[in-house]
């Protein structure tokens, strides 16, 4: 995984959530671009989670990016009506 691939996922339009898979086997989900901040030198990113927790990730340990399928209305899926 390169920093350019991470930037592509981060800047995608429309944004699609993605999972950063780490060398230790963990997967860190980036739910929205506002939930991720890059360090000034670009080696680490901080990813905030909806519950307020956060992960500080060394990008050298990211092995793969998994793009999640969007679940927002208008993506081709029908919403169930009751």
N, C-alpha and C. Protein backbone atom coordinates (compact mmCIF):
# COMPACT_ATOMS: atom_id res chain seq x y z
N UNK A 1 0.84 -1.17 0.00
CA UNK A 1 0.00 0.00 0.00
C UNK A 1 0.89 1.23 0.00
N UNK A 2 0.55 2.18 -0.85
CA UNK A 2 1.33 3.41 -0.91
C UNK A 2 0.50 4.57 -0.36
N UNK A 3 1.17 5.66 -0.02
CA UNK A 3 0.48 6.85 0.47
C UNK A 3 -0.45 7.38 -0.62
N UNK A 4 -0.08 7.22 -1.87
CA UNK A 4 -0.94 7.68 -2.97
C UNK A 4 -2.25 6.89 -3.00
N UNK A 5 -2.20 5.60 -2.74
CA UNK A 5 -3.41 4.79 -2.70
C UNK A 5 -4.31 5.24 -1.55
N UNK A 6 -3.71 5.57 -0.42
CA UNK A 6 -4.49 6.07 0.71
C UNK A 6 -5.13 7.41 0.36
N UNK A 7 -4.38 8.28 -0.28
CA UNK A 7 -4.94 9.58 -0.69
C UNK A 7 -6.09 9.41 -1.68
N UNK A 8 -5.96 8.45 -2.59
CA UNK A 8 -7.04 8.18 -3.55
C UNK A 8 -8.31 7.78 -2.82
N UNK A 9 -8.19 6.87 -1.86
CA UNK A 9 -9.36 6.42 -1.09
C UNK A 9 -9.94 7.58 -0.29
N UNK A 10 -9.08 8.38 0.31
CA UNK A 10 -9.49 9.52 1.13
C UNK A 10 -10.23 10.56 0.29
N UNK A 11 -9.75 10.82 -0.91
CA UNK A 11 -10.31 11.86 -1.77
C UNK A 11 -11.39 11.38 -2.73
N UNK A 12 -11.77 10.12 -2.67
CA UNK A 12 -12.75 9.60 -3.63
C UNK A 12 -14.07 10.36 -3.53
N UNK A 13 -14.71 10.54 -4.67
CA UNK A 13 -16.01 11.22 -4.75
C UNK A 13 -16.99 10.31 -5.46
N UNK A 14 -18.06 9.95 -4.86
CA UNK A 14 -18.39 10.22 -3.46
C UNK A 14 -17.49 9.38 -2.55
N UNK A 15 -17.31 9.86 -1.34
CA UNK A 15 -16.48 9.14 -0.39
C UNK A 15 -17.09 7.78 -0.09
N UNK A 16 -16.25 6.75 -0.06
CA UNK A 16 -16.68 5.42 0.36
C UNK A 16 -15.84 5.02 1.56
N UNK A 17 -16.48 4.56 2.64
CA UNK A 17 -15.72 4.11 3.80
C UNK A 17 -14.71 3.04 3.38
N UNK A 18 -13.61 2.97 4.10
CA UNK A 18 -12.61 1.94 3.79
C UNK A 18 -11.97 1.44 5.07
N UNK A 19 -11.38 0.26 4.96
CA UNK A 19 -10.70 -0.37 6.09
C UNK A 19 -9.21 -0.41 5.78
N UNK A 20 -8.40 0.07 6.73
CA UNK A 20 -6.95 -0.06 6.61
C UNK A 20 -6.56 -1.33 7.36
N UNK A 21 -6.03 -2.30 6.64
CA UNK A 21 -5.57 -3.55 7.26
C UNK A 21 -4.11 -3.36 7.66
N UNK A 22 -3.81 -3.73 8.90
CA UNK A 22 -2.47 -3.53 9.46
C UNK A 22 -1.70 -4.84 9.52
N UNK A 23 -0.39 -4.73 9.62
CA UNK A 23 0.49 -5.89 9.66
C UNK A 23 0.19 -6.82 10.84
N UNK A 24 -0.38 -6.28 11.92
CA UNK A 24 -0.68 -7.11 13.10
C UNK A 24 -2.05 -7.79 13.00
N UNK A 25 -2.73 -7.62 11.85
CA UNK A 25 -4.01 -8.31 11.64
C UNK A 25 -5.23 -7.47 11.93
N UNK A 26 -5.05 -6.30 12.55
CA UNK A 26 -6.20 -5.44 12.83
C UNK A 26 -6.70 -4.77 11.56
N UNK A 27 -7.97 -4.38 11.59
CA UNK A 27 -8.56 -3.60 10.52
C UNK A 27 -9.16 -2.33 11.13
N UNK A 28 -8.76 -1.17 10.63
CA UNK A 28 -9.25 0.10 11.16
C UNK A 28 -10.14 0.73 10.10
N UNK A 29 -11.41 0.94 10.44
CA UNK A 29 -12.36 1.52 9.49
C UNK A 29 -12.30 3.03 9.53
N UNK A 30 -12.26 3.64 8.34
CA UNK A 30 -12.39 5.09 8.19
C UNK A 30 -13.81 5.31 7.69
N UNK A 31 -14.69 5.77 8.58
CA UNK A 31 -16.11 5.90 8.26
C UNK A 31 -16.41 7.09 7.36
N UNK A 32 -15.62 8.15 7.50
CA UNK A 32 -15.81 9.34 6.67
C UNK A 32 -14.49 10.10 6.67
N UNK A 33 -14.24 10.88 5.63
CA UNK A 33 -12.93 11.56 5.53
C UNK A 33 -12.69 12.51 6.70
N UNK A 34 -13.76 13.07 7.28
CA UNK A 34 -13.56 13.97 8.42
C UNK A 34 -13.10 13.23 9.67
N UNK A 35 -13.14 11.90 9.64
CA UNK A 35 -12.71 11.10 10.77
C UNK A 35 -11.21 10.76 10.71
N UNK A 36 -10.49 11.27 9.71
CA UNK A 36 -9.07 10.94 9.56
C UNK A 36 -8.26 12.21 9.42
N UNK A 37 -7.11 12.26 10.13
CA UNK A 37 -6.20 13.40 10.05
C UNK A 37 -4.79 12.87 9.84
N UNK A 38 -4.05 13.54 8.98
CA UNK A 38 -2.68 13.15 8.68
C UNK A 38 -1.70 14.01 9.46
N UNK A 39 -0.59 13.41 9.87
CA UNK A 39 0.45 14.18 10.55
C UNK A 39 1.14 15.09 9.53
N UNK A 40 1.78 16.16 9.99
CA UNK A 40 2.44 17.08 9.06
C UNK A 40 3.47 16.40 8.14
N UNK A 41 4.20 15.42 8.66
CA UNK A 41 5.20 14.74 7.83
C UNK A 41 4.60 13.61 7.02
N UNK A 42 3.34 13.24 7.31
CA UNK A 42 2.64 12.25 6.51
C UNK A 42 2.94 10.80 6.82
N UNK A 43 3.67 10.52 7.87
CA UNK A 43 3.99 9.11 8.17
C UNK A 43 2.90 8.45 9.01
N UNK A 44 2.16 9.23 9.78
CA UNK A 44 1.10 8.66 10.60
C UNK A 44 -0.23 9.35 10.30
N UNK A 45 -1.30 8.62 10.57
CA UNK A 45 -2.64 9.19 10.49
C UNK A 45 -3.36 8.87 11.79
N UNK A 46 -4.27 9.73 12.17
CA UNK A 46 -5.14 9.48 13.31
C UNK A 46 -6.53 9.24 12.74
N UNK A 47 -7.13 8.13 13.16
CA UNK A 47 -8.47 7.78 12.70
C UNK A 47 -9.39 7.79 13.91
N UNK A 48 -10.41 8.62 13.85
CA UNK A 48 -11.40 8.72 14.93
C UNK A 48 -12.56 7.80 14.61
N UNK A 49 -13.12 7.20 15.65
CA UNK A 49 -14.26 6.30 15.49
C UNK A 49 -15.53 6.99 15.98
N UNK A 50 -16.70 6.53 15.53
CA UNK A 50 -17.96 7.17 15.93
C UNK A 50 -18.17 7.22 17.44
N UNK A 51 -17.57 6.29 18.19
CA UNK A 51 -17.75 6.29 19.65
C UNK A 51 -16.79 7.23 20.37
N UNK A 52 -15.95 7.97 19.60
CA UNK A 52 -15.02 8.92 20.20
C UNK A 52 -13.62 8.37 20.41
N UNK A 53 -13.44 7.06 20.25
CA UNK A 53 -12.09 6.50 20.37
C UNK A 53 -11.28 6.85 19.13
N UNK A 54 -9.98 6.63 19.21
CA UNK A 54 -9.13 6.95 18.06
C UNK A 54 -7.98 5.96 17.96
N UNK A 55 -7.42 5.87 16.76
CA UNK A 55 -6.26 5.03 16.49
C UNK A 55 -5.21 5.91 15.82
N UNK A 56 -3.97 5.80 16.27
CA UNK A 56 -2.86 6.47 15.60
C UNK A 56 -2.09 5.38 14.86
N UNK A 57 -2.00 5.54 13.54
CA UNK A 57 -1.49 4.46 12.70
C UNK A 57 -0.24 4.90 11.95
N UNK A 58 0.79 4.08 12.06
CA UNK A 58 2.01 4.27 11.27
C UNK A 58 1.73 3.69 9.88
N UNK A 59 1.79 4.52 8.86
CA UNK A 59 1.41 4.08 7.52
C UNK A 59 2.32 3.00 6.97
N UNK A 60 3.52 2.84 7.54
CA UNK A 60 4.39 1.76 7.10
C UNK A 60 3.83 0.39 7.48
N UNK A 61 2.87 0.37 8.41
CA UNK A 61 2.28 -0.89 8.86
C UNK A 61 0.97 -1.23 8.17
N UNK A 62 0.51 -0.38 7.25
CA UNK A 62 -0.72 -0.64 6.51
C UNK A 62 -0.39 -1.56 5.34
N UNK A 63 -1.05 -2.72 5.30
CA UNK A 63 -0.75 -3.71 4.26
C UNK A 63 -1.75 -3.68 3.12
N UNK A 64 -2.96 -3.16 3.38
CA UNK A 64 -4.02 -3.24 2.38
C UNK A 64 -5.10 -2.24 2.71
N UNK A 65 -5.78 -1.74 1.67
CA UNK A 65 -6.97 -0.91 1.85
C UNK A 65 -8.14 -1.67 1.26
N UNK A 66 -9.20 -1.78 2.02
CA UNK A 66 -10.42 -2.46 1.57
C UNK A 66 -11.52 -1.41 1.48
N UNK A 67 -11.97 -1.13 0.26
CA UNK A 67 -13.02 -0.15 0.06
C UNK A 67 -14.36 -0.81 0.38
N UNK A 68 -15.14 -0.15 1.23
CA UNK A 68 -16.45 -0.67 1.64
C UNK A 68 -17.50 -0.22 0.63
N UNK A 69 -18.51 -1.03 0.47
CA UNK A 69 -19.63 -0.66 -0.39
C UNK A 69 -20.48 0.37 0.34
N UNK A 70 -20.83 1.42 -0.35
CA UNK A 70 -21.63 2.48 0.25
C UNK A 70 -23.03 1.96 0.56
N UNK A 71 -23.59 2.42 1.69
CA UNK A 71 -24.95 2.02 2.06
C UNK A 71 -25.88 3.21 2.06
N UNK A 72 -25.43 4.31 1.46
CA UNK A 72 -26.26 5.50 1.41
C UNK A 72 -27.33 5.34 0.34
N UNK A 73 -28.51 5.98 0.53
CA UNK A 73 -29.53 5.94 -0.51
C UNK A 73 -28.99 6.48 -1.82
N UNK A 74 -29.47 5.88 -2.91
CA UNK A 74 -29.05 6.35 -4.23
C UNK A 74 -27.85 5.60 -4.78
N UNK A 75 -27.42 4.54 -4.11
CA UNK A 75 -26.28 3.80 -4.61
C UNK A 75 -26.71 2.55 -5.38
N UNK A 76 -27.99 2.51 -5.77
CA UNK A 76 -28.47 1.35 -6.51
C UNK A 76 -29.22 0.36 -5.62
N UNK A 77 -29.11 0.51 -4.33
CA UNK A 77 -29.84 -0.37 -3.42
C UNK A 77 -31.17 0.27 -3.08
N UNK A 78 -32.16 -0.55 -2.89
CA UNK A 78 -33.45 -0.04 -2.48
C UNK A 78 -33.54 -0.02 -0.97
N UNK A 79 -34.15 1.02 -0.46
CA UNK A 79 -34.46 1.07 0.97
C UNK A 79 -35.79 0.38 1.15
N UNK A 80 -35.91 -0.38 2.20
CA UNK A 80 -37.18 -1.04 2.49
C UNK A 80 -38.14 -0.03 3.10
N UNK A 81 -39.36 -0.06 2.64
CA UNK A 81 -40.37 0.80 3.25
C UNK A 81 -41.32 -0.08 4.04
N UNK A 82 -41.85 0.44 5.11
CA UNK A 82 -42.76 -0.34 5.97
C UNK A 82 -44.13 0.20 5.91
